[in-house]
Amino acid sequence: MNRMTASRNPILQAIGLIIGAVVAVAAVLVGAVLLSFIIGFVVLMGMLIYARSWWARRGIKKASSGFAEDKPKDIVNVQYTVVKERNVDDQAS
């Protein structure tokens, strides 16, 4: 069998260490970018769900207040005093 063994050449070891460090940094950066995409997606979905529920509550509130709008708007409640009562006979003359 042919086993791979670590090289005893210091130049190859340094190159391997540099390549390993670059790969590790790249993995951390890619992970950070993916994590930011996931967090952004979750926040965006939360905002959309909140906006949708607000819109639905607004529609329900508007529909339930529609019953009060069925009353005529030109009727005004006032107090009055009868000054003089008239009979039906008084109108004929």
C-alpha atoms as a PDB file:
ATOM      1  CA  MET A   1       0.000   0.000   0.000  1.00  0.00           C
ATOM      2  CA  ASN A   2       1.021   3.507  -0.733  1.00  0.00           C
ATOM      3  CA  ARG A   3       0.438   5.794   2.252  1.00  0.00           C
ATOM      4  CA  MET A   4       0.554   9.536   2.025  1.00  0.00           C
ATOM      5  CA  THR A   5       2.908  10.962   4.586  1.00  0.00           C
ATOM      6  CA  ALA A   6       3.540  14.537   5.573  1.00  0.00           C
ATOM      7  CA  SER A   7       6.356  16.119   3.700  1.00  0.00           C
ATOM      8  CA  ARG A   8       9.412  17.081   5.643  1.00  0.00           C
ATOM      9  CA  ASN A   9      10.138  19.877   3.189  1.00  0.00           C
ATOM     10  CA  PRO A  10       9.547  23.196   5.032  1.00  0.00           C
ATOM     11  CA  ILE A  11       8.552  25.046   1.838  1.00  0.00           C
ATOM     12  CA  LEU A  12       5.796  22.539   1.040  1.00  0.00           C
ATOM     13  CA  GLN A  13       4.651  22.672   4.665  1.00  0.00           C
ATOM     14  CA  ALA A  14       4.412  26.468   4.489  1.00  0.00           C
ATOM     15  CA  ILE A  15       2.478  26.315   1.201  1.00  0.00           C
ATOM     16  CA  GLY A  16       0.135  23.724   2.701  1.00  0.00           C
ATOM     17  CA  LEU A  17      -0.390  25.897   5.785  1.00  0.00           C
ATOM     18  CA  ILE A  18      -1.167  28.956   3.643  1.00  0.00           C
ATOM     19  CA  ILE A  19      -3.594  26.989   1.446  1.00  0.00           C
ATOM     20  CA  GLY A  20      -5.263  25.552   4.551  1.00  0.00           C
ATOM     21  CA  ALA A  21      -5.628  29.029   6.077  1.00  0.00           C
ATOM     22  CA  VAL A  22      -7.124  30.407   2.844  1.00  0.00           C
ATOM     23  CA  VAL A  23      -9.596  27.516   2.681  1.00  0.00           C
ATOM     24  CA  ALA A  24     -10.562  28.046   6.350  1.00  0.00           C
ATOM     25  CA  VAL A  25     -11.098  31.807   5.833  1.00  0.00           C
ATOM     26  CA  ALA A  26     -13.109  31.146   2.671  1.00  0.00           C
ATOM     27  CA  ALA A  27     -15.267  28.630   4.544  1.00  0.00           C
ATOM     28  CA  VAL A  28     -15.942  31.159   7.313  1.00  0.00           C
ATOM     29  CA  LEU A  29     -16.831  33.880   4.786  1.00  0.00           C
ATOM     30  CA  VAL A  30     -19.106  31.598   2.769  1.00  0.00           C
ATOM     31  CA  GLY A  31     -20.773  30.497   6.013  1.00  0.00           C
ATOM     32  CA  ALA A  32     -21.285  34.137   7.051  1.00  0.00           C
ATOM     33  CA  VAL A  33     -22.814  35.002   3.687  1.00  0.00           C
ATOM     34  CA  LEU A  34     -25.148  32.007   3.828  1.00  0.00           C
ATOM     35  CA  LEU A  35     -26.109  32.833   7.404  1.00  0.00           C
ATOM     36  CA  SER A  36     -26.881  36.434   6.426  1.00  0.00           C
ATOM     37  CA  PHE A  37     -29.040  35.206   3.529  1.00  0.00           C
ATOM     38  CA  ILE A  38     -30.935  32.877   5.864  1.00  0.00           C
ATOM     39  CA  ILE A  39     -31.425  35.600   8.486  1.00  0.00           C
ATOM     40  CA  GLY A  40     -32.512  38.080   5.800  1.00  0.00           C
ATOM     41  CA  PHE A  41     -34.993  35.569   4.391  1.00  0.00           C
ATOM     42  CA  VAL A  42     -36.458  34.882   7.842  1.00  0.00           C
ATOM     43  CA  VAL A  43     -36.769  38.616   8.580  1.00  0.00           C
ATOM     44  CA  LEU A  44     -38.365  39.264   5.181  1.00  0.00           C
ATOM     45  CA  MET A  45     -40.864  36.434   5.665  1.00  0.00           C
ATOM     46  CA  GLY A  46     -41.679  37.762   9.131  1.00  0.00           C
ATOM     47  CA  MET A  47     -42.326  41.220   7.721  1.00  0.00           C
ATOM     48  CA  LEU A  48     -44.520  39.807   4.961  1.00  0.00           C
ATOM     49  CA  ILE A  49     -46.529  37.705   7.416  1.00  0.00           C
ATOM     50  CA  TYR A  50     -46.945  40.713   9.724  1.00  0.00           C
ATOM     51  CA  ALA A  51     -48.055  42.938   6.816  1.00  0.00           C
ATOM     52  CA  ARG A  52     -50.502  40.295   5.593  1.00  0.00           C
ATOM     53  CA  SER A  53     -52.021  39.823   9.038  1.00  0.00           C
ATOM     54  CA  TRP A  54     -52.271  43.615   9.479  1.00  0.00           C
ATOM     55  CA  TRP A  55     -54.009  43.890   6.107  1.00  0.00           C
ATOM     56  CA  ALA A  56     -56.430  41.103   7.025  1.00  0.00           C
ATOM     57  CA  ARG A  57     -57.206  42.663  10.433  1.00  0.00           C
ATOM     58  CA  ARG A  58     -57.768  46.003   8.712  1.00  0.00           C
ATOM     59  CA  GLY A  59     -60.207  44.407   6.291  1.00  0.00           C
ATOM     60  CA  ILE A  60     -62.067  42.623   9.083  1.00  0.00           C
ATOM     61  CA  LYS A  61     -62.270  45.829  11.114  1.00  0.00           C
ATOM     62  CA  LYS A  62     -63.518  47.749   8.082  1.00  0.00           C
ATOM     63  CA  ALA A  63     -66.139  45.081   7.322  1.00  0.00           C
ATOM     64  CA  SER A  64     -67.391  45.000  10.911  1.00  0.00           C
ATOM     65  CA  SER A  65     -67.670  48.794  11.046  1.00  0.00           C
ATOM     66  CA  GLY A  66     -69.752  48.684   7.863  1.00  0.00           C
ATOM     67  CA  PHE A  67     -72.842  47.808   9.890  1.00  0.00           C
ATOM     68  CA  ALA A  68     -72.766  51.231  11.542  1.00  0.00           C
ATOM     69  CA  GLU A  69     -72.513  52.851   8.123  1.00  0.00           C
ATOM     70  CA  ASP A  70     -75.874  51.383   7.043  1.00  0.00           C
ATOM     71  CA  LYS A  71     -77.665  54.151   8.954  1.00  0.00           C
ATOM     72  CA  PRO A  72     -78.569  57.253   6.966  1.00  0.00           C
ATOM     73  CA  LYS A  73     -76.058  60.010   7.489  1.00  0.00           C
ATOM     74  CA  ASP A  74     -78.522  62.897   7.083  1.00  0.00           C
ATOM     75  CA  ILE A  75     -80.458  62.126  10.292  1.00  0.00           C
ATOM     76  CA  VAL A  76     -79.402  64.275  13.219  1.00  0.00           C
ATOM     77  CA  ASN A  77     -80.532  63.798  16.810  1.00  0.00           C
ATOM     78  CA  VAL A  78     -81.747  67.128  18.217  1.00  0.00           C
ATOM     79  CA  GLN A  79     -83.874  68.408  21.070  1.00  0.00           C
ATOM     80  CA  TYR A  80     -86.907  70.507  20.264  1.00  0.00           C
ATOM     81  CA  THR A  81     -89.766  72.253  22.038  1.00  0.00           C
ATOM     82  CA  VAL A  82     -93.310  72.373  20.705  1.00  0.00           C
ATOM     83  CA  VAL A  83     -94.382  76.012  20.683  1.00  0.00           C
ATOM     84  CA  LYS A  84     -98.012  75.603  19.652  1.00  0.00           C
ATOM     85  CA  GLU A  85     -99.921  72.481  18.791  1.00  0.00           C
ATOM     86  CA  ARG A  86    -102.133  72.587  15.738  1.00  0.00           C
ATOM     87  CA  ASN A  87    -105.272  70.625  15.135  1.00  0.00           C
ATOM     88  CA  VAL A  88    -106.201  69.099  11.823  1.00  0.00           C
ATOM     89  CA  ASP A  89    -109.034  71.635  11.540  1.00  0.00           C
ATOM     90  CA  ASP A  90    -106.566  74.502  11.779  1.00  0.00           C
ATOM     91  CA  GLN A  91    -104.715  73.317   8.672  1.00  0.00           C
ATOM     92  CA  ALA A  92    -107.857  73.334   6.514  1.00  0.00           C
ATOM     93  CA  SER A  93    -108.361  77.052   6.830  1.00  0.00           C
END
